[in-house]
């Protein structure tokens, strides 16, 4: 049985919502992901492992460092 934490790491990105300023609409338009605000300070990007990897690369190209 797979470890749930490992699956979650490959299907979501959690980061400060401020990191997505100016990028959120483009992310949701370009990738098959959903962006949720956990609180006013923290957002979750949820998608398939393939999409999350692509989003991770996209964010890195736009200077967003992931925790």
PDB file of N, CA and C in Angstrom:
ATOM      1  N   UNK A   1       0.845  -1.180   0.000  1.00  0.00           N
ATOM      2  CA  UNK A   1       0.000   0.000   0.000  1.00  0.00           C
ATOM      3  C   UNK A   1       0.888   1.241   0.000  1.00  0.00           C
ATOM      4  N   UNK A   2       0.634   2.196  -0.885  1.00  0.00           N
ATOM      5  CA  UNK A   2       1.458   3.404  -0.945  1.00  0.00           C
ATOM      6  C   UNK A   2       1.263   4.292   0.290  1.00  0.00           C
ATOM      7  N   UNK A   3       2.286   5.024   0.612  1.00  0.00           N
ATOM      8  CA  UNK A   3       2.258   5.963   1.728  1.00  0.00           C
ATOM      9  C   UNK A   3       1.449   7.196   1.324  1.00  0.00           C
ATOM     10  N   UNK A   4       0.388   7.543   2.066  1.00  0.00           N
ATOM     11  CA  UNK A   4      -0.446   8.699   1.701  1.00  0.00           C
ATOM     12  C   UNK A   4       0.334  10.010   1.615  1.00  0.00           C
ATOM     13  N   UNK A   5       1.301  10.213   2.478  1.00  0.00           N
ATOM     14  CA  UNK A   5       2.085  11.456   2.436  1.00  0.00           C
ATOM     15  C   UNK A   5       2.859  11.559   1.129  1.00  0.00           C
ATOM     16  N   UNK A   6       3.388  10.449   0.655  1.00  0.00           N
ATOM     17  CA  UNK A   6       4.139  10.456  -0.600  1.00  0.00           C
ATOM     18  C   UNK A   6       3.219  10.749  -1.784  1.00  0.00           C
ATOM     19  N   UNK A   7       2.036  10.147  -1.781  1.00  0.00           N
ATOM     20  CA  UNK A   7       1.061  10.437  -2.840  1.00  0.00           C
ATOM     21  C   UNK A   7       0.667  11.906  -2.828  1.00  0.00           C
ATOM     22  N   UNK A   8       0.440  12.461  -1.653  1.00  0.00           N
ATOM     23  CA  UNK A   8       0.052  13.862  -1.520  1.00  0.00           C
ATOM     24  C   UNK A   8       1.160  14.771  -2.044  1.00  0.00           C
ATOM     25  N   UNK A   9       2.414  14.428  -1.775  1.00  0.00           N
ATOM     26  CA  UNK A   9       3.538  15.231  -2.268  1.00  0.00           C
ATOM     27  C   UNK A   9       3.578  15.271  -3.790  1.00  0.00           C
ATOM     28  N   UNK A  10       3.104  14.212  -4.438  1.00  0.00           N
ATOM     29  CA  UNK A  10       3.157  14.173  -5.897  1.00  0.00           C
ATOM     30  C   UNK A  10       1.895  14.716  -6.551  1.00  0.00           C
ATOM     31  N   UNK A  11       0.881  15.062  -5.742  1.00  0.00           N
ATOM     32  CA  UNK A  11      -0.365  15.556  -6.324  1.00  0.00           C
ATOM     33  C   UNK A  11      -0.762  16.944  -5.845  1.00  0.00           C
ATOM     34  N   UNK A  12       0.076  17.578  -5.023  1.00  0.00           N
ATOM     35  CA  UNK A  12      -0.247  18.937  -4.578  1.00  0.00           C
ATOM     36  C   UNK A  12       1.015  19.726  -4.248  1.00  0.00           C
ATOM     37  N   UNK A  13       0.853  21.035  -4.358  1.00  0.00           N
ATOM     38  CA  UNK A  13       1.902  21.970  -3.960  1.00  0.00           C
ATOM     39  C   UNK A  13       1.245  22.931  -2.978  1.00  0.00           C
ATOM     40  N   UNK A  14       1.869  23.146  -1.850  1.00  0.00           N
ATOM     41  CA  UNK A  14       1.374  24.091  -0.851  1.00  0.00           C
ATOM     42  C   UNK A  14       2.395  25.216  -0.757  1.00  0.00           C
ATOM     43  N   UNK A  15       1.918  26.458  -0.903  1.00  0.00           N
ATOM     44  CA  UNK A  15       2.820  27.594  -0.861  1.00  0.00           C
ATOM     45  C   UNK A  15       2.053  28.838  -0.440  1.00  0.00           C
ATOM     46  N   UNK A  16       2.772  29.903  -0.070  1.00  0.00           N
ATOM     47  CA  UNK A  16       2.092  31.150   0.289  1.00  0.00           C
ATOM     48  C   UNK A  16       1.313  31.699  -0.913  1.00  0.00           C
ATOM     49  N   UNK A  17       0.098  32.159  -0.672  1.00  0.00           N
ATOM     50  CA  UNK A  17      -0.740  32.678  -1.763  1.00  0.00           C
ATOM     51  C   UNK A  17      -0.076  33.856  -2.477  1.00  0.00           C
ATOM     52  N   UNK A  18       0.699  34.632  -1.775  1.00  0.00           N
ATOM     53  CA  UNK A  18       1.390  35.758  -2.392  1.00  0.00           C
ATOM     54  C   UNK A  18       2.347  35.333  -3.492  1.00  0.00           C
ATOM     55  N   UNK A  19       2.819  34.096  -3.434  1.00  0.00           N
ATOM     56  CA  UNK A  19       3.720  33.574  -4.475  1.00  0.00           C
ATOM     57  C   UNK A  19       3.027  33.437  -5.817  1.00  0.00           C
ATOM     58  N   UNK A  20       1.696  33.366  -5.789  1.00  0.00           N
ATOM     59  CA  UNK A  20       0.934  33.167  -7.021  1.00  0.00           C
ATOM     60  C   UNK A  20       0.399  34.468  -7.612  1.00  0.00           C
ATOM     61  N   UNK A  21       0.758  35.603  -7.007  1.00  0.00           N
ATOM     62  CA  UNK A  21       0.288  36.886  -7.524  1.00  0.00           C
ATOM     63  C   UNK A  21       0.654  37.029  -9.000  1.00  0.00           C
ATOM     64  N   UNK A  22      -0.360  37.220  -9.829  1.00  0.00           N
ATOM     65  CA  UNK A  22      -0.143  37.382 -11.255  1.00  0.00           C
ATOM     66  C   UNK A  22       0.030  36.085 -12.014  1.00  0.00           C
ATOM     67  N   UNK A  23       0.062  34.951 -11.325  1.00  0.00           N
ATOM     68  CA  UNK A  23       0.280  33.654 -11.974  1.00  0.00           C
ATOM     69  C   UNK A  23      -0.915  32.715 -11.864  1.00  0.00           C
ATOM     70  N   UNK A  24      -1.789  32.953 -10.904  1.00  0.00           N
ATOM     71  CA  UNK A  24      -2.872  31.998 -10.615  1.00  0.00           C
ATOM     72  C   UNK A  24      -3.771  31.751 -11.828  1.00  0.00           C
ATOM     73  N   UNK A  25      -4.247  32.797 -12.484  1.00  0.00           N
ATOM     74  CA  UNK A  25      -5.139  32.618 -13.632  1.00  0.00           C
ATOM     75  C   UNK A  25      -4.450  31.859 -14.761  1.00  0.00           C
ATOM     76  N   UNK A  26      -3.196  32.198 -15.009  1.00  0.00           N
ATOM     77  CA  UNK A  26      -2.439  31.518 -16.067  1.00  0.00           C
ATOM     78  C   UNK A  26      -2.224  30.041 -15.722  1.00  0.00           C
ATOM     79  N   UNK A  27      -1.952  29.753 -14.449  1.00  0.00           N
ATOM     80  CA  UNK A  27      -1.773  28.359 -14.016  1.00  0.00           C
ATOM     81  C   UNK A  27      -3.028  27.545 -14.300  1.00  0.00           C
ATOM     82  N   UNK A  28      -4.174  28.090 -13.887  1.00  0.00           N
ATOM     83  CA  UNK A  28      -5.422  27.353 -14.058  1.00  0.00           C
ATOM     84  C   UNK A  28      -5.824  27.240 -15.525  1.00  0.00           C
ATOM     85  N   UNK A  29      -5.397  28.183 -16.355  1.00  0.00           N
ATOM     86  CA  UNK A  29      -5.714  28.127 -17.785  1.00  0.00           C
ATOM     87  C   UNK A  29      -4.782  27.175 -18.537  1.00  0.00           C
ATOM     88  N   UNK A  30      -3.508  27.154 -18.155  1.00  0.00           N
ATOM     89  CA  UNK A  30      -2.515  26.375 -18.892  1.00  0.00           C
ATOM     90  C   UNK A  30      -2.416  24.920 -18.433  1.00  0.00           C
ATOM     91  N   UNK A  31      -2.692  24.672 -17.165  1.00  0.00           N
ATOM     92  CA  UNK A  31      -2.540  23.334 -16.599  1.00  0.00           C
ATOM     93  C   UNK A  31      -3.877  22.828 -16.062  1.00  0.00           C
ATOM     94  N   UNK A  32      -4.034  21.522 -16.004  1.00  0.00           N
ATOM     95  CA  UNK A  32      -5.244  20.925 -15.453  1.00  0.00           C
ATOM     96  C   UNK A  32      -5.049  20.759 -13.953  1.00  0.00           C
ATOM     97  N   UNK A  33      -5.188  21.882 -13.240  1.00  0.00           N
ATOM     98  CA  UNK A  33      -5.031  21.911 -11.786  1.00  0.00           C
ATOM     99  C   UNK A  33      -6.125  22.799 -11.192  1.00  0.00           C
ATOM    100  N   UNK A  34      -6.297  22.660  -9.901  1.00  0.00           N
ATOM    101  CA  UNK A  34      -7.190  23.536  -9.147  1.00  0.00           C
ATOM    102  C   UNK A  34      -6.360  24.219  -8.081  1.00  0.00           C
ATOM    103  N   UNK A  35      -6.653  25.492  -7.835  1.00  0.00           N
ATOM    104  CA  UNK A  35      -5.949  26.244  -6.807  1.00  0.00           C
ATOM    105  C   UNK A  35      -6.958  26.587  -5.718  1.00  0.00           C
ATOM    106  N   UNK A  36      -6.646  26.183  -4.495  1.00  0.00           N
ATOM    107  CA  UNK A  36      -7.513  26.429  -3.348  1.00  0.00           C
ATOM    108  C   UNK A  36      -6.766  27.269  -2.328  1.00  0.00           C
ATOM    109  N   UNK A  37      -7.478  28.174  -1.686  1.00  0.00           N
ATOM    110  CA  UNK A  37      -6.904  28.953  -0.587  1.00  0.00           C
ATOM    111  C   UNK A  37      -7.231  28.229   0.705  1.00  0.00           C
ATOM    112  N   UNK A  38      -6.187  27.743   1.382  1.00  0.00           N
ATOM    113  CA  UNK A  38      -6.390  27.081   2.676  1.00  0.00           C
ATOM    114  C   UNK A  38      -6.705  28.132   3.730  1.00  0.00           C
ATOM    115  N   UNK A  39      -6.073  29.231   3.622  1.00  0.00           N
ATOM    116  CA  UNK A  39      -6.289  30.385   4.489  1.00  0.00           C
ATOM    117  C   UNK A  39      -5.913  31.585   3.634  1.00  0.00           C
ATOM    118  N   UNK A  40      -5.921  32.761   4.205  1.00  0.00           N
ATOM    119  CA  UNK A  40      -5.533  33.917   3.410  1.00  0.00           C
ATOM    120  C   UNK A  40      -4.048  33.896   3.079  1.00  0.00           C
ATOM    121  N   UNK A  41      -3.299  33.108   3.832  1.00  0.00           N
ATOM    122  CA  UNK A  41      -1.850  33.082   3.645  1.00  0.00           C
ATOM    123  C   UNK A  41      -1.354  31.880   2.857  1.00  0.00           C
ATOM    124  N   UNK A  42      -2.118  30.791   2.814  1.00  0.00           N
ATOM    125  CA  UNK A  42      -1.603  29.554   2.228  1.00  0.00           C
ATOM    126  C   UNK A  42      -2.543  29.014   1.150  1.00  0.00           C
ATOM    127  N   UNK A  43      -1.960  28.607   0.009  1.00  0.00           N
ATOM    128  CA  UNK A  43      -2.721  28.051  -1.111  1.00  0.00           C
ATOM    129  C   UNK A  43      -2.247  26.642  -1.435  1.00  0.00           C
ATOM    130  N   UNK A  44      -3.163  25.837  -1.982  1.00  0.00           N
ATOM    131  CA  UNK A  44      -2.854  24.485  -2.450  1.00  0.00           C
ATOM    132  C   UNK A  44      -3.127  24.418  -3.940  1.00  0.00           C
ATOM    133  N   UNK A  45      -2.195  23.872  -4.683  1.00  0.00           N
ATOM    134  CA  UNK A  45      -2.381  23.580  -6.098  1.00  0.00           C
ATOM    135  C   UNK A  45      -2.501  22.066  -6.182  1.00  0.00           C
ATOM    136  N   UNK A  46      -3.625  21.576  -6.706  1.00  0.00           N
ATOM    137  CA  UNK A  46      -3.905  20.147  -6.731  1.00  0.00           C
ATOM    138  C   UNK A  46      -4.083  19.688  -8.174  1.00  0.00           C
ATOM    139  N   UNK A  47      -3.446  18.564  -8.512  1.00  0.00           N
ATOM    140  CA  UNK A  47      -3.567  17.997  -9.851  1.00  0.00           C
ATOM    141  C   UNK A  47      -2.906  16.633  -9.911  1.00  0.00           C
ATOM    142  N   UNK A  48      -2.854  16.075 -11.096  1.00  0.00           N
ATOM    143  CA  UNK A  48      -2.207  14.773 -11.276  1.00  0.00           C
ATOM    144  C   UNK A  48      -0.699  14.933 -11.084  1.00  0.00           C
ATOM    145  N   UNK A  49      -0.002  13.839 -10.806  1.00  0.00           N
ATOM    146  CA  UNK A  49       1.457  13.930 -10.645  1.00  0.00           C
ATOM    147  C   UNK A  49       2.154  14.560 -11.857  1.00  0.00           C
ATOM    148  N   UNK A  50       1.675  14.268 -13.055  1.00  0.00           N
ATOM    149  CA  UNK A  50       2.285  14.836 -14.264  1.00  0.00           C
ATOM    150  C   UNK A  50       2.069  16.353 -14.297  1.00  0.00           C
ATOM    151  N   UNK A  51       0.856  16.800 -13.993  1.00  0.00           N
ATOM    152  CA  UNK A  51       0.559  18.238 -14.001  1.00  0.00           C
ATOM    153  C   UNK A  51       1.321  18.957 -12.884  1.00  0.00           C
ATOM    154  N   UNK A  52       1.403  18.344 -11.709  1.00  0.00           N
ATOM    155  CA  UNK A  52       2.112  18.975 -10.591  1.00  0.00           C
ATOM    156  C   UNK A  52       3.586  19.147 -10.934  1.00  0.00           C
ATOM    157  N   UNK A  53       4.184  18.176 -11.586  1.00  0.00           N
ATOM    158  CA  UNK A  53       5.590  18.312 -12.003  1.00  0.00           C
ATOM    159  C   UNK A  53       5.733  19.468 -12.991  1.00  0.00           C
ATOM    160  N   UNK A  54       4.818  19.568 -13.940  1.00  0.00           N
ATOM    161  CA  UNK A  54       4.859  20.658 -14.926  1.00  0.00           C
ATOM    162  C   UNK A  54       4.649  22.012 -14.246  1.00  0.00           C
ATOM    163  N   UNK A  55       3.740  22.086 -13.285  1.00  0.00           N
ATOM    164  CA  UNK A  55       3.497  23.327 -12.550  1.00  0.00           C
ATOM    165  C   UNK A  55       4.729  23.698 -11.732  1.00  0.00           C
ATOM    166  N   UNK A  56       5.348  22.708 -11.117  1.00  0.00           N
ATOM    167  CA  UNK A  56       6.572  22.935 -10.344  1.00  0.00           C
ATOM    168  C   UNK A  56       7.644  23.576 -11.238  1.00  0.00           C
ATOM    169  N   UNK A  57       7.832  23.024 -12.434  1.00  0.00           N
ATOM    170  CA  UNK A  57       8.811  23.572 -13.382  1.00  0.00           C
ATOM    171  C   UNK A  57       8.419  24.988 -13.801  1.00  0.00           C
ATOM    172  N   UNK A  58       7.135  25.206 -14.070  1.00  0.00           N
ATOM    173  CA  UNK A  58       6.624  26.520 -14.465  1.00  0.00           C
ATOM    174  C   UNK A  58       6.897  27.560 -13.366  1.00  0.00           C
ATOM    175  N   UNK A  59       6.576  27.195 -12.130  1.00  0.00           N
ATOM    176  CA  UNK A  59       6.793  28.124 -11.017  1.00  0.00           C
ATOM    177  C   UNK A  59       8.282  28.435 -10.851  1.00  0.00           C
ATOM    178  N   UNK A  60       9.122  27.428 -10.986  1.00  0.00           N
ATOM    179  CA  UNK A  60      10.566  27.651 -10.872  1.00  0.00           C
ATOM    180  C   UNK A  60      11.049  28.620 -11.953  1.00  0.00           C
ATOM    181  N   UNK A  61      10.527  28.480 -13.172  1.00  0.00           N
ATOM    182  CA  UNK A  61      10.921  29.398 -14.261  1.00  0.00           C
ATOM    183  C   UNK A  61      10.482  30.827 -14.000  1.00  0.00           C
ATOM    184  N   UNK A  62       9.431  30.980 -13.183  1.00  0.00           N
ATOM    185  CA  UNK A  62       8.915  32.305 -12.852  1.00  0.00           C
ATOM    186  C   UNK A  62       9.442  32.807 -11.500  1.00  0.00           C
ATOM    187  N   UNK A  63      10.458  32.149 -10.986  1.00  0.00           N
ATOM    188  CA  UNK A  63      11.130  32.627  -9.775  1.00  0.00           C
ATOM    189  C   UNK A  63      10.417  32.310  -8.471  1.00  0.00           C
ATOM    190  N   UNK A  64       9.483  31.387  -8.497  1.00  0.00           N
ATOM    191  CA  UNK A  64       8.785  31.012  -7.266  1.00  0.00           C
ATOM    192  C   UNK A  64       9.523  29.834  -6.646  1.00  0.00           C
ATOM    193  N   UNK A  65      10.048  30.045  -5.433  1.00  0.00           N
ATOM    194  CA  UNK A  65      10.743  28.955  -4.761  1.00  0.00           C
ATOM    195  C   UNK A  65       9.721  28.189  -3.917  1.00  0.00           C
ATOM    196  N   UNK A  66       9.807  26.876  -4.001  1.00  0.00           N
ATOM    197  CA  UNK A  66       8.859  26.032  -3.279  1.00  0.00           C
ATOM    198  C   UNK A  66       9.473  25.533  -1.983  1.00  0.00           C
ATOM    199  N   UNK A  67       8.652  25.475  -0.931  1.00  0.00           N
ATOM    200  CA  UNK A  67       9.162  24.994   0.356  1.00  0.00           C
ATOM    201  C   UNK A  67       9.502  23.528   0.334  1.00  0.00           C
TER     202      UNK A  67
END
